[in-house]
Amino acid sequence: MTSPIFNVLTIAGSDSGGGAGIQADLKAFSALGAYGASVITALTAQNTRGVTAIHAPDAGFVTAQLDAVFDDIRIDAVKIGMLANADIVHAVADALRRHKPARVVLDTVMISKSNHALLAPEAVAALREALLPLAGVVTPNLPEAAALLGVAPATDEAAMVEQGEALRALGAQAVLMKGGHLGSADSPDWLIEAGGTLRLAGPRVPVTNTHGTGCTLSSAIAALWPQRGALAPAVGEAKQYLTAALEASERLDVGHGVGPVHHFWRWW
């Protein structure tokens, strides 16, 4: 019997350089066997060296995109990335409450790899209060988790787990605390769910092509979650996929700054 092809929606910003955002999400969905739909929340003028301009559409147009997709297409999982401002955060939250998708992966995108703000400061509270309670899993890195909680970033794994549990207390069903900023020899992540915690070990891949890693991991989770039927195995497989995409990234020759990961390492 042929396995079903699941439909996954990304709600995120566009990266004109193709390494992150909507473009990375759709590549990861395709590489992992899911059909991708998209709602664009921002347009960025961006390359591997940085972000030079951002244009956010009216929140009403974001709502129109969301309703158009949900009214016609069965959506098995949603990945949320860059949301730009508080009005768009609330538009997305309202749509999720109306359409009630079964699986929501919230990637709390705040700062680009080139240190450009991708979320207005006043929107952090809206993200915390309106969207966290709707997330099946939220996937912050350590600075993002700290910003959401109003505390200093975790500097060890015990603090990572503590902050992950604090984010769960704000309403998220599960939290994946990403340990890339720890600076340790490896790159451990911690999945905190109602039933307990799970440490996901992983090597720190010594490459410079790390643009779009957070987008790629969260979209991989969204693509794999309906296929695997449970969150933990989807997260574990998504982390393995990203590690391989990082390891293969030097096969690409894209730009002169922080290059992208190789989403199609299995096929090219």
C-alpha atoms as a PDB file:
ATOM      1  CA  MET A   1       0.000   0.000   0.000  1.00  0.00           C
ATOM      2  CA  THR A   2       1.362   3.424  -0.947  1.00  0.00           C
ATOM      3  CA  SER A   3       2.144   5.680   2.000  1.00  0.00           C
ATOM      4  CA  PRO A   4       0.131   8.909   2.109  1.00  0.00           C
ATOM      5  CA  ILE A   5       1.761  12.185   1.140  1.00  0.00           C
ATOM      6  CA  PHE A   6       1.138  14.678   3.922  1.00  0.00           C
ATOM      7  CA  ASN A   7       0.488  18.385   3.353  1.00  0.00           C
ATOM      8  CA  VAL A   8       2.577  20.788   5.428  1.00  0.00           C
ATOM      9  CA  LEU A   9       2.152  24.571   5.611  1.00  0.00           C
ATOM     10  CA  THR A  10       4.948  27.025   6.302  1.00  0.00           C
ATOM     11  CA  ILE A  11       4.024  30.457   7.644  1.00  0.00           C
ATOM     12  CA  ALA A  12       7.212  32.481   7.388  1.00  0.00           C
ATOM     13  CA  GLY A  13       9.257  35.154   5.639  1.00  0.00           C
ATOM     14  CA  SER A  14      10.844  34.906   2.211  1.00  0.00           C
ATOM     15  CA  ASP A  15      14.657  34.778   1.916  1.00  0.00           C
ATOM     16  CA  SER A  16      15.718  36.081  -1.503  1.00  0.00           C
ATOM     17  CA  GLY A  17      19.023  34.239  -1.119  1.00  0.00           C
ATOM     18  CA  GLY A  18      17.159  30.930  -0.800  1.00  0.00           C
ATOM     19  CA  GLY A  19      18.904  29.630   2.310  1.00  0.00           C
ATOM     20  CA  ALA A  20      16.357  30.272   5.056  1.00  0.00           C
ATOM     21  CA  GLY A  21      12.691  31.120   5.547  1.00  0.00           C
ATOM     22  CA  ILE A  22      10.014  29.975   3.123  1.00  0.00           C
ATOM     23  CA  GLN A  23      12.593  28.739   0.629  1.00  0.00           C
ATOM     24  CA  ALA A  24      14.416  26.530   3.142  1.00  0.00           C
ATOM     25  CA  ASP A  25      11.123  25.238   4.518  1.00  0.00           C
ATOM     26  CA  LEU A  26       9.800  24.148   1.125  1.00  0.00           C
ATOM     27  CA  LYS A  27      13.128  22.484   0.290  1.00  0.00           C
ATOM     28  CA  ALA A  28      13.089  20.534   3.564  1.00  0.00           C
ATOM     29  CA  PHE A  29       9.440  19.511   3.098  1.00  0.00           C
ATOM     30  CA  SER A  30      10.215  18.203  -0.390  1.00  0.00           C
ATOM     31  CA  ALA A  31      13.408  16.428   0.670  1.00  0.00           C
ATOM     32  CA  LEU A  32      11.466  14.620   3.396  1.00  0.00           C
ATOM     33  CA  GLY A  33       8.509  13.543   1.276  1.00  0.00           C
ATOM     34  CA  ALA A  34       5.859  16.108   2.189  1.00  0.00           C
ATOM     35  CA  TYR A  35       3.864  18.498   0.001  1.00  0.00           C
ATOM     36  CA  GLY A  36       4.527  22.110   0.952  1.00  0.00           C
ATOM     37  CA  ALA A  37       2.158  25.077   0.968  1.00  0.00           C
ATOM     38  CA  SER A  38       3.178  28.568   2.074  1.00  0.00           C
ATOM     39  CA  VAL A  39       1.912  31.779   3.635  1.00  0.00           C
ATOM     40  CA  ILE A  40       4.406  34.636   3.320  1.00  0.00           C
ATOM     41  CA  THR A  41       4.586  36.982   6.300  1.00  0.00           C
ATOM     42  CA  ALA A  42       7.503  39.145   5.153  1.00  0.00           C
ATOM     43  CA  LEU A  43       9.735  39.807   2.172  1.00  0.00           C
ATOM     44  CA  THR A  44      13.429  40.177   2.909  1.00  0.00           C
ATOM     45  CA  ALA A  45      16.170  41.510   0.660  1.00  0.00           C
ATOM     46  CA  GLN A  46      18.782  39.046   1.808  1.00  0.00           C
ATOM     47  CA  ASN A  47      21.854  37.110   0.763  1.00  0.00           C
ATOM     48  CA  THR A  48      24.547  35.110   2.543  1.00  0.00           C
ATOM     49  CA  ARG A  49      26.103  38.338   3.845  1.00  0.00           C
ATOM     50  CA  GLY A  50      23.033  39.766   5.527  1.00  0.00           C
ATOM     51  CA  VAL A  51      19.589  41.347   5.390  1.00  0.00           C
ATOM     52  CA  THR A  52      19.399  44.744   3.673  1.00  0.00           C
ATOM     53  CA  ALA A  53      15.644  45.413   3.757  1.00  0.00           C
ATOM     54  CA  ILE A  54      12.387  43.949   5.093  1.00  0.00           C
ATOM     55  CA  HIS A  55       8.846  44.524   3.853  1.00  0.00           C
ATOM     56  CA  ALA A  56       5.949  43.163   5.912  1.00  0.00           C
ATOM     57  CA  PRO A  57       2.549  42.881   4.208  1.00  0.00           C
ATOM     58  CA  ASP A  58      -0.632  44.069   5.858  1.00  0.00           C
ATOM     59  CA  ALA A  59      -1.856  41.576   8.456  1.00  0.00           C
ATOM     60  CA  GLY A  60      -5.149  41.319   6.588  1.00  0.00           C
ATOM     61  CA  PHE A  61      -3.332  39.917   3.557  1.00  0.00           C
ATOM     62  CA  VAL A  62      -1.626  37.338   5.775  1.00  0.00           C
ATOM     63  CA  THR A  63      -5.093  36.339   6.998  1.00  0.00           C
ATOM     64  CA  ALA A  64      -6.327  36.077   3.401  1.00  0.00           C
ATOM     65  CA  GLN A  65      -3.457  33.720   2.538  1.00  0.00           C
ATOM     66  CA  LEU A  66      -4.110  31.586   5.616  1.00  0.00           C
ATOM     67  CA  ASP A  67      -7.824  31.270   4.953  1.00  0.00           C
ATOM     68  CA  ALA A  68      -7.243  30.467   1.267  1.00  0.00           C
ATOM     69  CA  VAL A  69      -4.957  27.572   2.175  1.00  0.00           C
ATOM     70  CA  PHE A  70      -6.998  26.152   5.046  1.00  0.00           C
ATOM     71  CA  ASP A  71     -10.330  26.483   3.217  1.00  0.00           C
ATOM     72  CA  ASP A  72      -9.152  24.185   0.412  1.00  0.00           C
ATOM     73  CA  ILE A  73      -6.175  22.052   1.489  1.00  0.00           C
ATOM     74  CA  ARG A  74      -6.006  19.455   4.258  1.00  0.00           C
ATOM     75  CA  ILE A  75      -3.079  20.638   6.378  1.00  0.00           C
ATOM     76  CA  ASP A  76      -1.424  17.888   8.421  1.00  0.00           C
ATOM     77  CA  ALA A  77       1.174  20.095  10.108  1.00  0.00           C
ATOM     78  CA  VAL A  78       2.095  23.773  10.309  1.00  0.00           C
ATOM     79  CA  LYS A  79       5.533  25.324  10.715  1.00  0.00           C
ATOM     80  CA  ILE A  80       5.678  28.969  11.839  1.00  0.00           C
ATOM     81  CA  GLY A  81       8.813  31.062  11.355  1.00  0.00           C
ATOM     82  CA  MET A  82       9.404  34.798  10.915  1.00  0.00           C
ATOM     83  CA  LEU A  83       6.328  36.876  11.779  1.00  0.00           C
ATOM     84  CA  ALA A  84       7.808  40.417  11.636  1.00  0.00           C
ATOM     85  CA  ASN A  85       5.387  42.293  13.912  1.00  0.00           C
ATOM     86  CA  ALA A  86       2.643  41.981  16.521  1.00  0.00           C
ATOM     87  CA  ASP A  87      -0.238  42.449  14.053  1.00  0.00           C
ATOM     88  CA  ILE A  88       0.956  39.461  12.013  1.00  0.00           C
ATOM     89  CA  VAL A  89       1.480  37.395  15.178  1.00  0.00           C
ATOM     90  CA  HIS A  90      -2.154  38.007  16.142  1.00  0.00           C
ATOM     91  CA  ALA A  91      -3.391  37.301  12.600  1.00  0.00           C
ATOM     92  CA  VAL A  92      -1.643  33.918  12.640  1.00  0.00           C
ATOM     93  CA  ALA A  93      -2.910  33.105  16.135  1.00  0.00           C
ATOM     94  CA  ASP A  94      -6.485  33.966  15.154  1.00  0.00           C
ATOM     95  CA  ALA A  95      -6.264  31.723  12.074  1.00  0.00           C
ATOM     96  CA  LEU A  96      -4.881  28.815  14.085  1.00  0.00           C
ATOM     97  CA  ARG A  97      -7.755  29.121  16.552  1.00  0.00           C
ATOM     98  CA  ARG A  98     -10.262  29.130  13.682  1.00  0.00           C
ATOM     99  CA  HIS A  99      -8.801  26.304  11.624  1.00  0.00           C
ATOM    100  CA  LYS A 100      -7.341  24.151  14.444  1.00  0.00           C
ATOM    101  CA  PRO A 101      -4.483  22.318  12.669  1.00  0.00           C
ATOM    102  CA  ALA A 102      -3.477  19.103  14.426  1.00  0.00           C
ATOM    103  CA  ARG A 103       0.267  19.834  14.669  1.00  0.00           C
ATOM    104  CA  VAL A 104       1.948  23.219  15.051  1.00  0.00           C
ATOM    105  CA  VAL A 105       5.733  23.730  15.124  1.00  0.00           C
ATOM    106  CA  LEU A 106       6.662  27.240  16.284  1.00  0.00           C
ATOM    107  CA  ASP A 107      10.185  28.393  15.453  1.00  0.00           C
ATOM    108  CA  THR A 108      10.659  31.613  17.422  1.00  0.00           C
ATOM    109  CA  VAL A 109      12.593  33.530  14.754  1.00  0.00           C
ATOM    110  CA  MET A 110      13.903  36.798  16.193  1.00  0.00           C
ATOM    111  CA  ILE A 111      17.428  37.463  14.872  1.00  0.00           C
ATOM    112  CA  SER A 112      19.058  36.502  11.563  1.00  0.00           C
ATOM    113  CA  LYS A 113      22.455  34.813  11.329  1.00  0.00           C
ATOM    114  CA  SER A 114      23.823  38.251  10.356  1.00  0.00           C
ATOM    115  CA  ASN A 115      22.372  39.724  13.587  1.00  0.00           C
ATOM    116  CA  HIS A 116      19.474  41.564  11.898  1.00  0.00           C
ATOM    117  CA  ALA A 117      16.237  41.829  13.896  1.00  0.00           C
ATOM    118  CA  LEU A 118      13.466  39.795  12.246  1.00  0.00           C
ATOM    119  CA  LEU A 119      10.803  40.405  14.909  1.00  0.00           C
ATOM    120  CA  ALA A 120       9.842  43.820  16.259  1.00  0.00           C
ATOM    121  CA  PRO A 121      10.702  44.082  19.991  1.00  0.00           C
ATOM    122  CA  GLU A 122       7.075  44.847  20.913  1.00  0.00           C
ATOM    123  CA  ALA A 123       6.000  41.641  19.166  1.00  0.00           C
ATOM    124  CA  VAL A 124       7.890  39.359  21.578  1.00  0.00           C
ATOM    125  CA  ALA A 125       5.106  39.636  24.163  1.00  0.00           C
ATOM    126  CA  ALA A 126       2.483  38.879  21.502  1.00  0.00           C
ATOM    127  CA  LEU A 127       4.445  35.805  20.425  1.00  0.00           C
ATOM    128  CA  ARG A 128       4.689  34.619  24.023  1.00  0.00           C
ATOM    129  CA  GLU A 129       1.065  35.276  24.944  1.00  0.00           C
ATOM    130  CA  ALA A 130      -0.829  34.558  21.714  1.00  0.00           C
ATOM    131  CA  LEU A 131       1.144  31.834  19.936  1.00  0.00           C
ATOM    132  CA  LEU A 132       3.013  29.796  22.557  1.00  0.00           C
ATOM    133  CA  PRO A 133      -0.253  28.338  23.943  1.00  0.00           C
ATOM    134  CA  LEU A 134      -1.180  27.153  20.417  1.00  0.00           C
ATOM    135  CA  ALA A 135       2.117  25.386  19.703  1.00  0.00           C
ATOM    136  CA  GLY A 136       2.495  21.625  19.682  1.00  0.00           C
ATOM    137  CA  VAL A 137       6.230  22.218  19.967  1.00  0.00           C
ATOM    138  CA  VAL A 138       8.285  25.415  20.138  1.00  0.00           C
ATOM    139  CA  THR A 139      11.922  25.287  18.979  1.00  0.00           C
ATOM    140  CA  PRO A 140      13.937  28.203  20.432  1.00  0.00           C
ATOM    141  CA  ASN A 141      17.680  28.572  20.475  1.00  0.00           C
ATOM    142  CA  LEU A 142      19.141  29.749  23.778  1.00  0.00           C
ATOM    143  CA  PRO A 143      18.975  33.537  23.130  1.00  0.00           C
ATOM    144  CA  GLU A 144      15.388  33.226  21.886  1.00  0.00           C
ATOM    145  CA  ALA A 145      14.312  31.211  24.928  1.00  0.00           C
ATOM    146  CA  ALA A 146      15.929  33.800  27.185  1.00  0.00           C
ATOM    147  CA  ALA A 147      14.150  36.667  25.376  1.00  0.00           C
ATOM    148  CA  LEU A 148      10.784  34.943  25.722  1.00  0.00           C
ATOM    149  CA  LEU A 149      11.344  34.387  29.443  1.00  0.00           C
ATOM    150  CA  GLY A 150      13.074  37.679  30.220  1.00  0.00           C
ATOM    151  CA  VAL A 151      16.142  35.955  31.686  1.00  0.00           C
ATOM    152  CA  ALA A 152      19.811  35.430  30.793  1.00  0.00           C
ATOM    153  CA  PRO A 153      20.562  32.717  28.200  1.00  0.00           C
ATOM    154  CA  ALA A 154      21.259  29.230  29.538  1.00  0.00           C
ATOM    155  CA  THR A 155      24.939  28.347  29.792  1.00  0.00           C
ATOM    156  CA  ASP A 156      24.609  24.628  30.581  1.00  0.00           C
ATOM    157  CA  GLU A 157      22.220  21.770  29.937  1.00  0.00           C
ATOM    158  CA  ALA A 158      20.560  21.937  33.357  1.00  0.00           C
ATOM    159  CA  ALA A 159      19.577  25.540  32.682  1.00  0.00           C
ATOM    160  CA  MET A 160      18.376  24.562  29.198  1.00  0.00           C
ATOM    161  CA  VAL A 161      15.954  22.048  30.687  1.00  0.00           C
ATOM    162  CA  GLU A 162      14.828  24.512  33.361  1.00  0.00           C
ATOM    163  CA  GLN A 163      14.067  27.170  30.762  1.00  0.00           C
ATOM    164  CA  GLY A 164      12.339  24.638  28.527  1.00  0.00           C
ATOM    165  CA  GLU A 165      10.057  23.684  31.397  1.00  0.00           C
ATOM    166  CA  ALA A 166       9.350  27.382  32.024  1.00  0.00           C
ATOM    167  CA  LEU A 167       8.307  27.801  28.387  1.00  0.00           C
ATOM    168  CA  ARG A 168       6.030  24.761  28.675  1.00  0.00           C
ATOM    169  CA  ALA A 169       4.450  26.432  31.679  1.00  0.00           C
ATOM    170  CA  LEU A 170       3.504  29.338  29.390  1.00  0.00           C
ATOM    171  CA  GLY A 171       1.309  26.980  27.356  1.00  0.00           C
ATOM    172  CA  ALA A 172       3.367  25.144  24.732  1.00  0.00           C
ATOM    173  CA  GLN A 173       2.698  21.398  24.681  1.00  0.00           C
ATOM    174  CA  ALA A 174       6.392  20.649  24.148  1.00  0.00           C
ATOM    175  CA  VAL A 175       9.663  22.576  23.861  1.00  0.00           C
ATOM    176  CA  LEU A 176      12.798  21.687  21.921  1.00  0.00           C
ATOM    177  CA  MET A 177      15.667  23.638  23.477  1.00  0.00           C
ATOM    178  CA  LYS A 178      18.448  23.857  20.890  1.00  0.00           C
ATOM    179  CA  GLY A 179      21.969  23.771  22.309  1.00  0.00           C
ATOM    180  CA  GLY A 180      23.938  25.173  19.402  1.00  0.00           C
ATOM    181  CA  HIS A 181      24.864  28.297  21.376  1.00  0.00           C
ATOM    182  CA  LEU A 182      26.397  26.356  24.283  1.00  0.00           C
ATOM    183  CA  GLY A 183      29.797  26.301  22.633  1.00  0.00           C
ATOM    184  CA  SER A 184      30.480  22.743  23.784  1.00  0.00           C
ATOM    185  CA  ALA A 185      32.247  20.091  21.723  1.00  0.00           C
ATOM    186  CA  ASP A 186      28.912  18.568  20.719  1.00  0.00           C
ATOM    187  CA  SER A 187      25.523  20.167  20.056  1.00  0.00           C
ATOM    188  CA  PRO A 188      22.902  18.654  22.384  1.00  0.00           C
ATOM    189  CA  ASP A 189      19.206  19.517  22.230  1.00  0.00           C
ATOM    190  CA  TRP A 190      16.601  18.786  24.891  1.00  0.00           C
ATOM    191  CA  LEU A 191      12.981  17.860  24.141  1.00  0.00           C
ATOM    192  CA  ILE A 192      10.702  18.676  27.073  1.00  0.00           C
ATOM    193  CA  GLU A 193       7.231  17.110  26.936  1.00  0.00           C
ATOM    194  CA  ALA A 194       4.508  16.449  29.491  1.00  0.00           C
ATOM    195  CA  GLY A 195       5.787  12.887  29.891  1.00  0.00           C
ATOM    196  CA  GLY A 196       9.405  13.846  30.581  1.00  0.00           C
ATOM    197  CA  THR A 197      12.607  15.061  28.969  1.00  0.00           C
ATOM    198  CA  LEU A 198      14.757  13.583  26.210  1.00  0.00           C
ATOM    199  CA  ARG A 199      18.376  14.498  25.438  1.00  0.00           C
ATOM    200  CA  LEU A 200      19.187  14.450  21.743  1.00  0.00           C
ATOM    201  CA  ALA A 201      22.934  14.199  21.257  1.00  0.00           C
ATOM    202  CA  GLY A 202      24.555  15.399  18.069  1.00  0.00           C
ATOM    203  CA  PRO A 203      27.984  16.359  16.764  1.00  0.00           C
ATOM    204  CA  ARG A 204      28.972  19.986  16.286  1.00  0.00           C
ATOM    205  CA  VAL A 205      29.618  20.063  12.535  1.00  0.00           C
ATOM    206  CA  PRO A 206      32.670  22.277  11.800  1.00  0.00           C
ATOM    207  CA  VAL A 207      31.338  24.160   8.753  1.00  0.00           C
ATOM    208  CA  THR A 208      30.613  27.825   8.055  1.00  0.00           C
ATOM    209  CA  ASN A 209      27.471  27.113   5.999  1.00  0.00           C
ATOM    210  CA  THR A 210      24.920  27.397   8.801  1.00  0.00           C
ATOM    211  CA  HIS A 211      22.403  29.812   7.253  1.00  0.00           C
ATOM    212  CA  GLY A 212      18.855  28.526   7.731  1.00  0.00           C
ATOM    213  CA  THR A 213      19.632  25.787  10.249  1.00  0.00           C
ATOM    214  CA  GLY A 214      16.778  26.737  12.586  1.00  0.00           C
ATOM    215  CA  CYS A 215      14.293  27.034   9.722  1.00  0.00           C
ATOM    216  CA  THR A 216      15.425  23.699   8.323  1.00  0.00           C
ATOM    217  CA  LEU A 217      15.176  21.837  11.632  1.00  0.00           C
ATOM    218  CA  SER A 218      11.696  23.127  12.466  1.00  0.00           C
ATOM    219  CA  SER A 219      10.384  22.463   8.958  1.00  0.00           C
ATOM    220  CA  ALA A 220      11.886  18.967   9.027  1.00  0.00           C
ATOM    221  CA  ILE A 221      10.036  18.306  12.284  1.00  0.00           C
ATOM    222  CA  ALA A 222       6.784  19.525  10.702  1.00  0.00           C
ATOM    223  CA  ALA A 223       7.309  17.305   7.645  1.00  0.00           C
ATOM    224  CA  LEU A 224       8.159  14.193   9.681  1.00  0.00           C
ATOM    225  CA  TRP A 225       5.704  14.511  12.587  1.00  0.00           C
ATOM    226  CA  PRO A 226       2.614  13.310  10.675  1.00  0.00           C
ATOM    227  CA  GLN A 227       4.701  10.612   8.964  1.00  0.00           C
ATOM    228  CA  ARG A 228       6.095   9.193  12.225  1.00  0.00           C
ATOM    229  CA  GLY A 229       2.927   9.638  14.277  1.00  0.00           C
ATOM    230  CA  ALA A 230       4.712  10.979  17.362  1.00  0.00           C
ATOM    231  CA  LEU A 231       6.822  14.025  18.127  1.00  0.00           C
ATOM    232  CA  ALA A 232       9.955  12.482  19.672  1.00  0.00           C
ATOM    233  CA  PRO A 233      10.909  10.217  16.730  1.00  0.00           C
ATOM    234  CA  ALA A 234      10.183  13.071  14.297  1.00  0.00           C
ATOM    235  CA  VAL A 235      12.491  15.403  16.244  1.00  0.00           C
ATOM    236  CA  GLY A 236      15.250  12.800  16.392  1.00  0.00           C
ATOM    237  CA  GLU A 237      15.078  12.110  12.657  1.00  0.00           C
ATOM    238  CA  ALA A 238      14.886  15.837  11.854  1.00  0.00           C
ATOM    239  CA  LYS A 239      18.079  16.452  13.833  1.00  0.00           C
ATOM    240  CA  GLN A 240      19.841  13.665  11.918  1.00  0.00           C
ATOM    241  CA  TYR A 241      18.636  15.167   8.617  1.00  0.00           C
ATOM    242  CA  LEU A 242      19.987  18.600   9.564  1.00  0.00           C
ATOM    243  CA  THR A 243      23.336  17.151  10.650  1.00  0.00           C
ATOM    244  CA  ALA A 244      23.732  15.469   7.265  1.00  0.00           C
ATOM    245  CA  ALA A 245      22.661  18.675   5.483  1.00  0.00           C
ATOM    246  CA  LEU A 246      25.365  20.573   7.383  1.00  0.00           C
ATOM    247  CA  GLU A 247      27.988  17.940   6.626  1.00  0.00           C
ATOM    248  CA  ALA A 248      27.180  18.142   2.904  1.00  0.00           C
ATOM    249  CA  SER A 249      26.893  21.939   2.805  1.00  0.00           C
ATOM    250  CA  GLU A 250      30.427  22.543   1.532  1.00  0.00           C
ATOM    251  CA  ARG A 251      29.426  20.853  -1.741  1.00  0.00           C
ATOM    252  CA  LEU A 252      27.407  24.011  -2.450  1.00  0.00           C
ATOM    253  CA  ASP A 253      28.957  27.232  -3.782  1.00  0.00           C
ATOM    254  CA  VAL A 254      26.393  29.858  -2.782  1.00  0.00           C
ATOM    255  CA  GLY A 255      27.470  33.410  -1.965  1.00  0.00           C
ATOM    256  CA  HIS A 256      30.436  34.859  -0.118  1.00  0.00           C
ATOM    257  CA  GLY A 257      29.113  34.917   3.452  1.00  0.00           C
ATOM    258  CA  VAL A 258      27.359  32.385   5.678  1.00  0.00           C
ATOM    259  CA  GLY A 259      26.134  29.840   3.138  1.00  0.00           C
ATOM    260  CA  PRO A 260      23.103  27.528   3.301  1.00  0.00           C
ATOM    261  CA  VAL A 261      22.881  23.891   4.294  1.00  0.00           C
ATOM    262  CA  HIS A 262      22.410  21.247   1.585  1.00  0.00           C
ATOM    263  CA  HIS A 263      18.736  20.296   1.812  1.00  0.00           C
ATOM    264  CA  PHE A 264      18.921  17.776  -1.033  1.00  0.00           C
ATOM    265  CA  TRP A 265      22.072  15.942   0.077  1.00  0.00           C
ATOM    266  CA  ARG A 266      20.307  12.595  -0.436  1.00  0.00           C
ATOM    267  CA  TRP A 267      19.470  13.323  -4.064  1.00  0.00           C
ATOM    268  CA  TRP A 268      22.230  15.482  -5.575  1.00  0.00           C
END
